[in-house]
C-alpha atoms as a PDB file:
ATOM      1  CA  MET A   1     -40.158  75.350 -23.366  1.00  0.00           C
ATOM      2  CA  HIS A   2     -36.561  73.583 -22.611  1.00  0.00           C
ATOM      3  CA  HIS A   3     -34.973  74.164 -19.327  1.00  0.00           C
ATOM      4  CA  TYR A   4     -31.002  74.512 -19.068  1.00  0.00           C
ATOM      5  CA  PHE A   5     -28.763  73.290 -15.662  1.00  0.00           C
ATOM      6  CA  ILE A   6     -25.381  72.861 -15.246  1.00  0.00           C
ATOM      7  CA  ALA A   7     -23.553  70.068 -12.839  1.00  0.00           C
ATOM      8  CA  THR A   8     -22.465  71.537  -9.523  1.00  0.00           C
ATOM      9  CA  GLU A   9     -20.825  69.008  -8.990  1.00  0.00           C
ATOM     10  CA  SER A  10     -19.945  65.473 -10.638  1.00  0.00           C
ATOM     11  CA  PHE A  11     -22.539  62.589  -9.561  1.00  0.00           C
ATOM     12  CA  ASP A  12     -23.644  59.034 -11.046  1.00  0.00           C
ATOM     13  CA  HIS A  13     -27.164  58.447 -12.529  1.00  0.00           C
ATOM     14  CA  ILE A  14     -28.853  55.219 -13.107  1.00  0.00           C
ATOM     15  CA  VAL A  15     -30.305  54.929 -16.352  1.00  0.00           C
ATOM     16  CA  ASP A  16     -33.389  53.140 -16.656  1.00  0.00           C
ATOM     17  CA  CYS A  17     -33.829  50.434 -19.076  1.00  0.00           C
ATOM     18  CA  PHE A  18     -37.666  49.866 -20.930  1.00  0.00           C
ATOM     19  CA  CYS A  19     -36.963  46.565 -22.653  1.00  0.00           C
ATOM     20  CA  PRO A  20     -39.916  44.378 -22.113  1.00  0.00           C
ATOM     21  CA  ASP A  21     -37.583  40.722 -21.600  1.00  0.00           C
ATOM     22  CA  SER A  22     -35.105  41.850 -19.648  1.00  0.00           C
ATOM     23  CA  ARG A  23     -33.997  44.488 -16.656  1.00  0.00           C
ATOM     24  CA  HIS A  24     -30.515  46.347 -16.515  1.00  0.00           C
ATOM     25  CA  GLU A  25     -29.351  49.543 -15.731  1.00  0.00           C
ATOM     26  CA  ASP A  26     -26.775  51.653 -17.178  1.00  0.00           C
ATOM     27  CA  THR A  27     -24.681  54.008 -15.139  1.00  0.00           C
ATOM     28  CA  LEU A  28     -24.025  57.341 -16.344  1.00  0.00           C
ATOM     29  CA  GLU A  29     -21.093  59.967 -14.540  1.00  0.00           C
ATOM     30  CA  ILE A  30     -22.450  63.411 -15.092  1.00  0.00           C
ATOM     31  CA  ASN A  31     -19.284  65.387 -14.446  1.00  0.00           C
ATOM     32  CA  GLU A  32     -19.272  69.037 -12.603  1.00  0.00           C
ATOM     33  CA  ASP A  33     -19.799  71.762 -15.200  1.00  0.00           C
ATOM     34  CA  SER A  34     -22.087  69.162 -17.524  1.00  0.00           C
ATOM     35  CA  LEU A  35     -24.409  71.079 -19.407  1.00  0.00           C
ATOM     36  CA  ILE A  36     -27.924  69.626 -18.782  1.00  0.00           C
ATOM     37  CA  GLU A  37     -31.313  70.514 -21.115  1.00  0.00           C
ATOM     38  CA  VAL A  38     -34.663  69.397 -20.108  1.00  0.00           C
ATOM     39  CA  THR A  39     -37.005  68.642 -22.744  1.00  0.00           C
ATOM     40  CA  GLU A  40     -40.399  68.660 -22.673  1.00  0.00           C
ATOM     41  CA  ASP A  41     -40.711  65.408 -24.188  1.00  0.00           C
ATOM     42  CA  ARG A  42     -42.263  63.064 -21.637  1.00  0.00           C
ATOM     43  CA  LYS A  43     -43.085  59.348 -21.344  1.00  0.00           C
ATOM     44  CA  PHE A  44     -45.172  58.005 -18.624  1.00  0.00           C
ATOM     45  CA  ILE A  45     -43.440  54.347 -17.909  1.00  0.00           C
ATOM     46  CA  MET A  46     -43.955  51.800 -15.403  1.00  0.00           C
ATOM     47  CA  ASP A  47     -45.781  54.161 -13.260  1.00  0.00           C
ATOM     48  CA  ARG A  48     -43.412  56.939 -13.527  1.00  0.00           C
ATOM     49  CA  TRP A  49     -42.902  60.237 -15.813  1.00  0.00           C
ATOM     50  CA  TYR A  50     -39.644  60.233 -17.495  1.00  0.00           C
ATOM     51  CA  ILE A  51     -38.130  63.440 -18.785  1.00  0.00           C
ATOM     52  CA  LEU A  52     -35.681  63.445 -22.090  1.00  0.00           C
ATOM     53  CA  VAL A  53     -32.409  64.633 -20.989  1.00  0.00           C
ATOM     54  CA  VAL A  54     -29.720  66.062 -23.252  1.00  0.00           C
ATOM     55  CA  LEU A  55     -26.475  66.127 -21.783  1.00  0.00           C
ATOM     56  CA  ASN A  56     -24.016  68.468 -23.054  1.00  0.00           C
ATOM     57  CA  THR A  57     -25.868  68.480 -26.673  1.00  0.00           C
ATOM     58  CA  SER A  58     -24.668  65.116 -27.717  1.00  0.00           C
ATOM     59  CA  TRP A  59     -26.197  62.591 -25.779  1.00  0.00           C
ATOM     60  CA  GLN A  60     -30.077  61.841 -25.202  1.00  0.00           C
ATOM     61  CA  PHE A  61     -31.972  59.511 -22.387  1.00  0.00           C
ATOM     62  CA  TYR A  62     -34.759  59.738 -20.290  1.00  0.00           C
ATOM     63  CA  MET A  63     -34.703  60.256 -17.000  1.00  0.00           C
ATOM     64  CA  ALA A  64     -37.127  59.868 -14.094  1.00  0.00           C
ATOM     65  CA  LEU A  65     -38.836  63.536 -13.146  1.00  0.00           C
ATOM     66  CA  GLU A  66     -38.555  62.032  -9.544  1.00  0.00           C
ATOM     67  CA  ASP A  67     -34.581  62.244 -10.032  1.00  0.00           C
ATOM     68  CA  VAL A  68     -34.398  65.719 -11.746  1.00  0.00           C
ATOM     69  CA  GLU A  69     -36.126  66.706  -8.954  1.00  0.00           C
ATOM     70  CA  ASN A  70     -33.856  64.924  -6.289  1.00  0.00           C
ATOM     71  CA  TYR A  71     -31.062  66.356  -7.954  1.00  0.00           C
ATOM     72  CA  PHE A  72     -32.449  69.825  -8.204  1.00  0.00           C
ATOM     73  CA  LYS A  73     -33.150  69.711  -4.857  1.00  0.00           C
ATOM     74  CA  GLU A  74     -29.470  68.305  -3.381  1.00  0.00           C
ATOM     75  CA  GLY A  75     -28.271  71.263  -5.160  1.00  0.00           C
ATOM     76  CA  LYS A  76     -26.244  68.799  -7.785  1.00  0.00           C
ATOM     77  CA  MET A  77     -27.222  71.170 -10.708  1.00  0.00           C
ATOM     78  CA  MET A  78     -28.238  74.604 -11.059  1.00  0.00           C
ATOM     79  CA  THR A  79     -30.031  77.209 -12.962  1.00  0.00           C
ATOM     80  CA  SER A  80     -28.592  80.224 -14.028  1.00  0.00           C
ATOM     81  CA  MET A  81     -30.820  82.027 -11.476  1.00  0.00           C
ATOM     82  CA  ASP A  82     -30.049  79.626  -8.166  1.00  0.00           C
ATOM     83  CA  LEU A  83     -25.891  80.487  -9.502  1.00  0.00           C
ATOM     84  CA  GLU A  84     -26.781  84.297  -9.546  1.00  0.00           C
ATOM     85  CA  LEU A  85     -28.455  84.176  -5.998  1.00  0.00           C
ATOM     86  CA  LYS A  86     -25.709  81.440  -4.344  1.00  0.00           C
ATOM     87  CA  LEU A  87     -23.031  83.665  -5.750  1.00  0.00           C
ATOM     88  CA  ASN A  88     -24.738  86.897  -4.129  1.00  0.00           C
ATOM     89  CA  TYR A  89     -24.918  84.683  -0.954  1.00  0.00           C
ATOM     90  CA  VAL A  90     -21.243  83.696  -1.643  1.00  0.00           C
ATOM     91  CA  SER A  91     -20.559  87.592  -2.194  1.00  0.00           C
ATOM     92  CA  TYR A  92     -21.947  88.422   1.203  1.00  0.00           C
ATOM     93  CA  LYS A  93     -20.308  86.026   3.211  1.00  0.00           C
ATOM     94  CA  ILE A  94     -16.809  86.826   1.521  1.00  0.00           C
ATOM     95  CA  ASP A  95     -17.850  90.648   2.969  1.00  0.00           C
ATOM     96  CA  GLU A  96     -18.684  88.685   6.178  1.00  0.00           C
ATOM     97  CA  ALA A  97     -15.419  87.382   6.776  1.00  0.00           C
ATOM     98  CA  LEU A  98     -13.137  90.328   5.890  1.00  0.00           C
ATOM     99  CA  ALA A  99     -14.966  92.431   8.194  1.00  0.00           C
ATOM    100  CA  LYS A 100     -14.594  89.583  10.687  1.00  0.00           C
ATOM    101  CA  GLU A 101     -10.852  89.140   9.905  1.00  0.00           C
ATOM    102  CA  ASP A 102     -11.164  84.928   9.456  1.00  0.00           C
ATOM    103  CA  GLU A 103      -8.764  83.948   6.751  1.00  0.00           C
ATOM    104  CA  ALA A 104     -10.621  80.680   6.956  1.00  0.00           C
ATOM    105  CA  SER A 105     -13.786  81.674   6.053  1.00  0.00           C
ATOM    106  CA  PHE A 106     -12.312  84.228   3.011  1.00  0.00           C
ATOM    107  CA  ILE A 107     -10.156  81.887   1.535  1.00  0.00           C
ATOM    108  CA  HIS A 108     -13.260  78.879   1.416  1.00  0.00           C
ATOM    109  CA  HIS A 109     -15.818  81.501  -0.176  1.00  0.00           C
ATOM    110  CA  SER A 110     -13.650  82.532  -2.889  1.00  0.00           C
ATOM    111  CA  LYS A 111     -12.348  79.160  -4.077  1.00  0.00           C
ATOM    112  CA  ALA A 112     -16.503  78.868  -3.724  1.00  0.00           C
ATOM    113  CA  GLN A 113     -17.041  82.235  -5.507  1.00  0.00           C
ATOM    114  CA  LYS A 114     -14.382  81.252  -8.181  1.00  0.00           C
ATOM    115  CA  LYS A 115     -16.075  77.590  -8.816  1.00  0.00           C
ATOM    116  CA  LEU A 116     -19.682  79.533  -9.104  1.00  0.00           C
ATOM    117  CA  CYS A 117     -18.286  81.969 -11.590  1.00  0.00           C
ATOM    118  CA  HIS A 118     -16.823  79.363 -14.088  1.00  0.00           C
ATOM    119  CA  LEU A 119     -19.957  77.360 -13.935  1.00  0.00           C
ATOM    120  CA  LYS A 120     -22.345  80.770 -14.674  1.00  0.00           C
ATOM    121  CA  GLU A 121     -20.238  81.659 -17.274  1.00  0.00           C
ATOM    122  CA  LYS A 122     -19.956  78.370 -19.223  1.00  0.00           C
ATOM    123  CA  LEU A 123     -24.151  77.896 -18.799  1.00  0.00           C
ATOM    124  CA  HIS A 124     -24.052  81.470 -20.268  1.00  0.00           C
ATOM    125  CA  VAL A 125     -22.141  80.501 -23.171  1.00  0.00           C
ATOM    126  CA  TYR A 126     -24.563  77.754 -23.992  1.00  0.00           C
ATOM    127  CA  LEU A 127     -27.552  79.609 -23.506  1.00  0.00           C
ATOM    128  CA  ASP A 128     -26.527  82.013 -25.613  1.00  0.00           C
ATOM    129  CA  ARG A 129     -25.745  79.378 -28.472  1.00  0.00           C
ATOM    130  CA  ALA A 130     -29.354  77.681 -27.875  1.00  0.00           C
ATOM    131  CA  SER A 131     -31.355  80.909 -28.080  1.00  0.00           C
ATOM    132  CA  GLU A 132     -29.101  81.992 -30.936  1.00  0.00           C
ATOM    133  CA  ASN A 133     -29.804  78.704 -32.825  1.00  0.00           C
ATOM    134  CA  HIS A 134     -33.902  78.708 -31.748  1.00  0.00           C
ATOM    135  CA  LEU A 135     -33.853  82.161 -33.558  1.00  0.00           C
ATOM    136  CA  MET A 136     -32.163  81.301 -36.582  1.00  0.00           C
END
């Protein structure tokens, strides 16, 4: 089963090289709202687990499992469920700001809500297309 994420902020990922004769790395910029598909293709190389990742349906590379876990824990990428939970929390904070008449907090959380809604919509469109393609 594939797992789908969306980047919530831009960040750089160092893509490891598996060349036997040289050690070099490439840096890949993962932009905010990039779609990240974690596949089931796994390899154990150089004492680490690597997972095949598809970025924006077009670029494939192996990412260390611990990198996937760290990006997820840091909130740099989220699942659909994570977005729902975060939206629920932000809606609560908006209601709280309105009750306290805290304009700064209201503006801050409203901007966060708008961003999260955009990310959620983009991820859902992608998930709908992915499910249609798997059914065909």
